[in-house]
N, C-alpha and C. Protein backbone atom coordinates (compact mmCIF):
# COMPACT_ATOMS: atom_id res chain seq x y z
N MET A 1 -45.03 -7.76 13.57
CA MET A 1 -44.68 -8.90 12.74
C MET A 1 -45.76 -9.96 12.90
N GLY A 2 -46.18 -10.56 11.80
CA GLY A 2 -47.18 -11.61 11.84
C GLY A 2 -46.56 -12.92 12.29
N SER A 3 -47.38 -13.97 12.25
CA SER A 3 -46.85 -15.28 12.62
C SER A 3 -45.91 -15.76 11.52
N LEU A 4 -45.04 -16.68 11.88
CA LEU A 4 -44.09 -17.20 10.90
C LEU A 4 -44.77 -17.96 9.76
N THR A 5 -46.00 -18.39 9.99
CA THR A 5 -46.70 -19.13 8.94
C THR A 5 -47.15 -18.23 7.81
N SER A 6 -47.31 -16.93 8.07
CA SER A 6 -47.81 -16.04 7.03
C SER A 6 -46.72 -15.15 6.42
N LEU A 7 -45.53 -15.12 7.02
CA LEU A 7 -44.45 -14.27 6.52
C LEU A 7 -43.56 -15.02 5.54
N THR A 8 -43.02 -14.27 4.60
CA THR A 8 -42.05 -14.86 3.68
C THR A 8 -40.65 -14.41 4.08
N VAL A 9 -39.67 -15.02 3.48
CA VAL A 9 -38.27 -14.69 3.74
C VAL A 9 -38.02 -13.20 3.51
N THR A 10 -38.62 -12.65 2.46
CA THR A 10 -38.44 -11.23 2.14
C THR A 10 -38.85 -10.31 3.29
N ASP A 11 -39.83 -10.73 4.08
CA ASP A 11 -40.33 -9.89 5.17
C ASP A 11 -39.31 -9.68 6.28
N CYS A 12 -38.36 -10.58 6.44
CA CYS A 12 -37.42 -10.50 7.56
C CYS A 12 -35.95 -10.51 7.18
N MET A 13 -35.65 -10.68 5.92
CA MET A 13 -34.24 -10.83 5.53
C MET A 13 -33.48 -9.51 5.66
N VAL A 14 -32.18 -9.63 5.87
CA VAL A 14 -31.26 -8.50 5.85
C VAL A 14 -30.86 -8.29 4.40
N ARG A 15 -31.00 -7.06 3.95
CA ARG A 15 -30.63 -6.72 2.58
C ARG A 15 -29.22 -6.14 2.58
N ASP A 16 -28.66 -5.87 1.43
CA ASP A 16 -27.33 -5.27 1.32
C ASP A 16 -26.29 -6.07 2.11
N VAL A 17 -26.18 -7.32 1.79
CA VAL A 17 -25.30 -8.25 2.50
C VAL A 17 -23.84 -7.95 2.16
N VAL A 18 -23.01 -7.90 3.19
CA VAL A 18 -21.57 -7.78 3.01
C VAL A 18 -21.04 -9.18 2.69
N THR A 19 -20.31 -9.29 1.60
CA THR A 19 -19.75 -10.58 1.21
C THR A 19 -18.23 -10.50 1.15
N ALA A 20 -17.62 -11.65 1.21
CA ALA A 20 -16.18 -11.74 1.01
C ALA A 20 -15.92 -12.10 -0.45
N GLN A 21 -14.75 -11.71 -0.93
CA GLN A 21 -14.33 -12.06 -2.28
C GLN A 21 -13.07 -12.93 -2.17
N LEU A 22 -12.90 -13.85 -3.09
CA LEU A 22 -11.78 -14.77 -3.01
C LEU A 22 -10.42 -14.08 -3.03
N TRP A 23 -10.32 -12.91 -3.65
CA TRP A 23 -9.04 -12.21 -3.75
C TRP A 23 -8.71 -11.40 -2.48
N GLN A 24 -9.67 -11.21 -1.60
CA GLN A 24 -9.44 -10.38 -0.41
C GLN A 24 -8.57 -11.09 0.62
N PRO A 25 -7.68 -10.33 1.28
CA PRO A 25 -6.87 -10.95 2.34
C PRO A 25 -7.72 -11.26 3.57
N LEU A 26 -7.30 -12.27 4.31
CA LEU A 26 -8.03 -12.64 5.52
C LEU A 26 -8.07 -11.49 6.52
N SER A 27 -7.08 -10.62 6.49
CA SER A 27 -7.11 -9.46 7.40
C SER A 27 -8.34 -8.60 7.14
N LEU A 28 -8.76 -8.48 5.90
CA LEU A 28 -9.96 -7.70 5.58
C LEU A 28 -11.23 -8.43 6.03
N LEU A 29 -11.28 -9.73 5.85
CA LEU A 29 -12.42 -10.50 6.34
C LEU A 29 -12.54 -10.36 7.85
N ARG A 30 -11.42 -10.48 8.54
CA ARG A 30 -11.39 -10.32 10.00
C ARG A 30 -11.90 -8.94 10.39
N LYS A 31 -11.45 -7.91 9.67
CA LYS A 31 -11.89 -6.54 9.96
C LYS A 31 -13.40 -6.39 9.78
N HIS A 32 -13.94 -6.91 8.68
CA HIS A 32 -15.39 -6.85 8.45
C HIS A 32 -16.14 -7.53 9.59
N MET A 33 -15.66 -8.69 10.01
CA MET A 33 -16.33 -9.42 11.08
C MET A 33 -16.30 -8.64 12.39
N LEU A 34 -15.17 -8.03 12.69
CA LEU A 34 -15.06 -7.26 13.93
C LEU A 34 -15.88 -5.97 13.90
N VAL A 35 -15.77 -5.22 12.82
CA VAL A 35 -16.46 -3.93 12.72
C VAL A 35 -17.98 -4.11 12.72
N HIS A 36 -18.46 -5.11 11.99
CA HIS A 36 -19.91 -5.30 11.85
C HIS A 36 -20.47 -6.33 12.83
N GLN A 37 -19.63 -6.93 13.64
CA GLN A 37 -20.02 -7.97 14.59
C GLN A 37 -20.71 -9.14 13.89
N PHE A 38 -20.11 -9.56 12.77
CA PHE A 38 -20.62 -10.72 12.02
C PHE A 38 -20.01 -11.99 12.56
N SER A 39 -20.80 -13.04 12.58
CA SER A 39 -20.28 -14.36 12.90
C SER A 39 -19.97 -15.15 11.64
N PHE A 40 -20.54 -14.72 10.51
CA PHE A 40 -20.34 -15.40 9.24
C PHE A 40 -20.20 -14.38 8.12
N LEU A 41 -19.40 -14.74 7.12
CA LEU A 41 -19.33 -13.96 5.88
C LEU A 41 -19.57 -14.91 4.71
N PRO A 42 -20.54 -14.59 3.87
CA PRO A 42 -20.77 -15.42 2.69
C PRO A 42 -19.81 -15.04 1.56
N PHE A 43 -19.52 -16.00 0.71
CA PHE A 43 -18.74 -15.73 -0.50
C PHE A 43 -19.16 -16.72 -1.57
N LEU A 44 -18.98 -16.30 -2.81
CA LEU A 44 -19.33 -17.14 -3.94
C LEU A 44 -18.07 -17.81 -4.47
N HIS A 45 -18.05 -19.12 -4.40
CA HIS A 45 -16.94 -19.89 -4.94
C HIS A 45 -17.32 -20.31 -6.36
N PRO A 46 -16.48 -20.00 -7.35
CA PRO A 46 -16.87 -20.27 -8.74
C PRO A 46 -17.16 -21.74 -9.04
N ASP A 47 -16.55 -22.64 -8.30
CA ASP A 47 -16.77 -24.07 -8.55
C ASP A 47 -17.80 -24.71 -7.62
N ASP A 48 -17.96 -24.14 -6.42
CA ASP A 48 -18.79 -24.78 -5.40
C ASP A 48 -20.01 -23.98 -4.98
N GLY A 49 -20.27 -22.85 -5.59
CA GLY A 49 -21.45 -22.06 -5.23
C GLY A 49 -21.24 -21.25 -3.96
N TRP A 50 -22.33 -20.88 -3.33
CA TRP A 50 -22.28 -20.02 -2.13
C TRP A 50 -21.80 -20.80 -0.92
N LYS A 51 -20.86 -20.20 -0.22
CA LYS A 51 -20.27 -20.76 0.99
C LYS A 51 -20.32 -19.70 2.08
N VAL A 52 -20.11 -20.11 3.33
CA VAL A 52 -19.96 -19.17 4.43
C VAL A 52 -18.72 -19.55 5.23
N VAL A 53 -18.00 -18.55 5.66
CA VAL A 53 -16.86 -18.76 6.56
C VAL A 53 -17.26 -18.16 7.90
N SER A 54 -17.01 -18.90 8.96
CA SER A 54 -17.40 -18.45 10.30
C SER A 54 -16.24 -17.81 11.03
N ASP A 55 -16.57 -17.01 12.04
CA ASP A 55 -15.54 -16.42 12.88
C ASP A 55 -14.74 -17.50 13.59
N ALA A 56 -15.41 -18.57 14.00
CA ALA A 56 -14.72 -19.67 14.70
C ALA A 56 -13.74 -20.37 13.77
N ALA A 57 -14.12 -20.58 12.52
CA ALA A 57 -13.22 -21.22 11.55
C ALA A 57 -12.02 -20.32 11.29
N LEU A 58 -12.25 -19.02 11.22
CA LEU A 58 -11.15 -18.08 11.00
C LEU A 58 -10.18 -18.09 12.18
N VAL A 59 -10.71 -18.12 13.38
CA VAL A 59 -9.85 -18.17 14.58
C VAL A 59 -9.00 -19.44 14.57
N ARG A 60 -9.63 -20.57 14.28
CA ARG A 60 -8.88 -21.84 14.24
C ARG A 60 -7.78 -21.80 13.18
N PHE A 61 -8.10 -21.23 12.02
CA PHE A 61 -7.14 -21.17 10.93
C PHE A 61 -5.97 -20.25 11.26
N LEU A 62 -6.25 -19.10 11.85
CA LEU A 62 -5.19 -18.13 12.15
C LEU A 62 -4.26 -18.61 13.24
N GLY A 63 -4.79 -19.35 14.19
CA GLY A 63 -3.97 -19.85 15.28
C GLY A 63 -3.56 -18.77 16.26
N THR A 64 -2.68 -19.11 17.17
CA THR A 64 -2.28 -18.18 18.23
C THR A 64 -0.81 -17.77 18.17
N LYS A 65 -0.02 -18.42 17.33
CA LYS A 65 1.39 -18.06 17.20
C LYS A 65 1.51 -16.82 16.34
N ARG A 66 2.12 -15.76 16.90
CA ARG A 66 2.12 -14.44 16.27
C ARG A 66 2.63 -14.44 14.83
N LYS A 67 3.79 -15.05 14.60
CA LYS A 67 4.37 -15.04 13.26
C LYS A 67 3.48 -15.75 12.24
N GLU A 68 2.99 -16.91 12.63
CA GLU A 68 2.12 -17.68 11.75
C GLU A 68 0.81 -16.94 11.50
N ARG A 69 0.27 -16.33 12.54
CA ARG A 69 -0.98 -15.57 12.44
C ARG A 69 -0.82 -14.40 11.45
N GLU A 70 0.28 -13.65 11.58
CA GLU A 70 0.52 -12.52 10.68
C GLU A 70 0.66 -13.00 9.24
N LYS A 71 1.35 -14.10 9.05
CA LYS A 71 1.51 -14.67 7.71
C LYS A 71 0.16 -15.07 7.13
N ARG A 72 -0.65 -15.73 7.93
CA ARG A 72 -1.95 -16.20 7.45
C ARG A 72 -2.94 -15.05 7.22
N LEU A 73 -2.85 -13.98 7.99
CA LEU A 73 -3.73 -12.83 7.78
C LEU A 73 -3.48 -12.17 6.42
N SER A 74 -2.28 -12.34 5.89
CA SER A 74 -1.97 -11.74 4.58
C SER A 74 -2.41 -12.61 3.40
N LEU A 75 -2.81 -13.85 3.67
CA LEU A 75 -3.27 -14.75 2.61
C LEU A 75 -4.61 -14.29 2.07
N SER A 76 -4.84 -14.52 0.79
CA SER A 76 -6.17 -14.28 0.23
C SER A 76 -7.11 -15.39 0.72
N LEU A 77 -8.39 -15.12 0.65
CA LEU A 77 -9.37 -16.15 1.02
C LEU A 77 -9.15 -17.39 0.16
N GLN A 78 -8.93 -17.21 -1.11
CA GLN A 78 -8.73 -18.34 -2.01
C GLN A 78 -7.51 -19.16 -1.59
N ALA A 79 -6.41 -18.50 -1.27
CA ALA A 79 -5.21 -19.21 -0.85
C ALA A 79 -5.45 -19.97 0.46
N ALA A 80 -6.18 -19.36 1.37
CA ALA A 80 -6.46 -19.99 2.66
C ALA A 80 -7.32 -21.24 2.49
N LEU A 81 -8.22 -21.22 1.52
CA LEU A 81 -9.06 -22.38 1.26
C LEU A 81 -8.27 -23.53 0.63
N LEU A 82 -7.14 -23.19 0.00
CA LEU A 82 -6.35 -24.19 -0.74
C LEU A 82 -5.02 -24.51 -0.09
N ILE A 83 -4.73 -23.92 1.06
CA ILE A 83 -3.40 -24.01 1.66
C ILE A 83 -2.90 -25.46 1.69
N GLY A 84 -1.65 -25.63 1.33
CA GLY A 84 -1.07 -26.96 1.24
C GLY A 84 -0.53 -27.48 2.56
N GLU A 85 -0.02 -26.59 3.39
CA GLU A 85 0.54 -27.04 4.67
C GLU A 85 -0.46 -26.78 5.79
N GLY A 86 -0.71 -27.80 6.58
CA GLY A 86 -1.69 -27.65 7.65
C GLY A 86 -3.10 -27.77 7.12
N GLU A 87 -4.04 -27.42 7.96
CA GLU A 87 -5.45 -27.50 7.60
C GLU A 87 -5.88 -26.24 6.86
N PRO A 88 -6.62 -26.39 5.77
CA PRO A 88 -7.13 -25.19 5.07
C PRO A 88 -8.24 -24.53 5.89
N LEU A 89 -8.55 -23.31 5.54
CA LEU A 89 -9.66 -22.59 6.17
C LEU A 89 -10.95 -23.33 5.84
N ALA A 90 -11.73 -23.62 6.87
CA ALA A 90 -12.99 -24.34 6.68
C ALA A 90 -14.08 -23.37 6.24
N ALA A 91 -14.83 -23.77 5.24
CA ALA A 91 -15.99 -23.01 4.78
C ALA A 91 -17.12 -23.99 4.55
N ALA A 92 -18.31 -23.62 4.99
CA ALA A 92 -19.47 -24.49 4.86
C ALA A 92 -20.31 -24.10 3.65
N THR A 93 -20.91 -25.09 3.03
CA THR A 93 -21.86 -24.82 1.96
C THR A 93 -23.07 -24.12 2.57
N ALA A 94 -23.45 -23.01 1.96
CA ALA A 94 -24.56 -22.22 2.49
C ALA A 94 -25.91 -22.83 2.11
N ARG A 95 -26.82 -22.78 3.03
CA ARG A 95 -28.22 -23.13 2.76
C ARG A 95 -28.82 -21.94 2.04
N THR A 96 -29.50 -22.15 0.94
CA THR A 96 -30.08 -21.06 0.17
C THR A 96 -31.58 -21.27 0.00
N VAL A 97 -32.30 -20.16 -0.05
CA VAL A 97 -33.75 -20.19 -0.24
C VAL A 97 -34.16 -19.08 -1.20
N ALA A 98 -35.38 -19.18 -1.68
CA ALA A 98 -35.95 -18.14 -2.53
C ALA A 98 -36.62 -17.08 -1.66
N PRO A 99 -36.71 -15.84 -2.12
CA PRO A 99 -37.34 -14.77 -1.34
C PRO A 99 -38.80 -15.05 -1.01
N SER A 100 -39.48 -15.81 -1.84
CA SER A 100 -40.90 -16.06 -1.63
C SER A 100 -41.19 -17.21 -0.67
N GLN A 101 -40.17 -17.90 -0.23
CA GLN A 101 -40.37 -19.04 0.67
C GLN A 101 -40.90 -18.56 2.02
N PHE A 102 -41.77 -19.35 2.63
CA PHE A 102 -42.33 -18.97 3.92
C PHE A 102 -41.30 -19.16 5.03
N LEU A 103 -41.28 -18.21 5.97
CA LEU A 103 -40.32 -18.25 7.08
C LEU A 103 -40.45 -19.53 7.89
N GLU A 104 -41.65 -20.00 8.06
CA GLU A 104 -41.88 -21.20 8.85
C GLU A 104 -41.02 -22.37 8.35
N SER A 105 -40.81 -22.43 7.04
CA SER A 105 -40.05 -23.54 6.46
C SER A 105 -38.54 -23.38 6.61
N VAL A 106 -38.06 -22.18 6.94
CA VAL A 106 -36.61 -21.98 7.09
C VAL A 106 -36.19 -21.67 8.52
N ALA A 107 -37.14 -21.46 9.40
CA ALA A 107 -36.82 -21.05 10.78
C ALA A 107 -35.88 -22.02 11.48
N SER A 108 -36.06 -23.30 11.28
CA SER A 108 -35.19 -24.29 11.95
C SER A 108 -33.80 -24.35 11.34
N GLU A 109 -33.62 -23.82 10.14
CA GLU A 109 -32.34 -23.87 9.44
C GLU A 109 -31.35 -22.80 9.89
N VAL A 110 -31.83 -21.73 10.52
CA VAL A 110 -30.96 -20.59 10.80
C VAL A 110 -30.20 -20.69 12.12
N ALA A 111 -30.38 -21.75 12.84
CA ALA A 111 -29.72 -21.87 14.15
C ALA A 111 -28.20 -21.96 14.05
N GLU A 112 -27.69 -22.70 13.09
CA GLU A 112 -26.26 -22.94 12.99
C GLU A 112 -25.52 -21.93 12.13
N ALA A 113 -26.15 -21.45 11.09
CA ALA A 113 -25.51 -20.52 10.15
C ALA A 113 -26.60 -19.72 9.46
N PRO A 114 -26.25 -18.60 8.85
CA PRO A 114 -27.27 -17.84 8.14
C PRO A 114 -27.77 -18.60 6.92
N VAL A 115 -28.98 -18.29 6.53
CA VAL A 115 -29.56 -18.82 5.31
C VAL A 115 -29.49 -17.70 4.28
N LEU A 116 -28.91 -17.98 3.12
CA LEU A 116 -28.77 -16.98 2.08
C LEU A 116 -30.01 -16.97 1.19
N VAL A 117 -30.43 -15.78 0.82
CA VAL A 117 -31.61 -15.61 -0.01
C VAL A 117 -31.16 -15.27 -1.43
N LEU A 118 -31.49 -16.14 -2.37
CA LEU A 118 -31.08 -15.96 -3.76
C LEU A 118 -32.28 -15.73 -4.65
N HIS A 119 -32.14 -14.78 -5.55
CA HIS A 119 -33.15 -14.55 -6.59
C HIS A 119 -32.45 -14.65 -7.93
N GLU A 120 -32.84 -15.63 -8.71
CA GLU A 120 -32.22 -15.90 -10.02
C GLU A 120 -30.70 -16.01 -9.91
N GLY A 121 -30.23 -16.68 -8.86
CA GLY A 121 -28.81 -16.92 -8.66
C GLY A 121 -28.04 -15.82 -7.97
N SER A 122 -28.66 -14.66 -7.80
CA SER A 122 -27.98 -13.52 -7.16
C SER A 122 -28.37 -13.42 -5.69
N LEU A 123 -27.40 -13.09 -4.86
CA LEU A 123 -27.64 -12.92 -3.43
C LEU A 123 -28.40 -11.61 -3.20
N VAL A 124 -29.59 -11.72 -2.60
CA VAL A 124 -30.40 -10.52 -2.34
C VAL A 124 -30.61 -10.28 -0.85
N GLY A 125 -30.20 -11.24 -0.02
CA GLY A 125 -30.36 -11.07 1.42
C GLY A 125 -29.91 -12.29 2.17
N LEU A 126 -30.04 -12.22 3.49
CA LEU A 126 -29.77 -13.37 4.35
C LEU A 126 -30.63 -13.27 5.59
N ILE A 127 -30.80 -14.40 6.24
CA ILE A 127 -31.57 -14.47 7.48
C ILE A 127 -30.73 -15.22 8.50
N THR A 128 -30.68 -14.67 9.71
CA THR A 128 -30.00 -15.33 10.83
C THR A 128 -31.05 -15.57 11.93
N ALA A 129 -30.66 -16.34 12.92
CA ALA A 129 -31.56 -16.57 14.05
C ALA A 129 -31.92 -15.25 14.72
N PHE A 130 -30.99 -14.33 14.78
CA PHE A 130 -31.25 -13.03 15.40
C PHE A 130 -32.40 -12.29 14.70
N ASP A 131 -32.48 -12.43 13.39
CA ASP A 131 -33.54 -11.76 12.62
C ASP A 131 -34.93 -12.31 12.95
N LEU A 132 -35.01 -13.48 13.53
CA LEU A 132 -36.29 -14.09 13.85
C LEU A 132 -36.66 -13.96 15.32
N LEU A 133 -35.81 -13.35 16.12
CA LEU A 133 -36.12 -13.18 17.55
C LEU A 133 -37.31 -12.29 17.76
């Protein structure tokens, strides 16, 4: 691998990104996170653009009380984001970059959450801090 000053996002990004869909139950998001060891799942919100939900946000939302946890695991992502009682599931606005952008300019952005790579509005990859190690 060359220096970060000469590499572009395309050189290091993860392709074939697993995304969440608003209609999917939280139990499926949880399963994807566990099976693939993801800390974040991106999803496209029709009104707000690309967002990411973290494993920590999902844990806080599900809580520790068994009955409540089971009920919340059956909620769709969309319902969890809009829940009327209690705190809704937290989702952060995703930082997005173009595939041609130099890694040096995005390296500091990947510490807290993945950076999504968009080409003409479509998700083509993502970069995490792990990808730059």
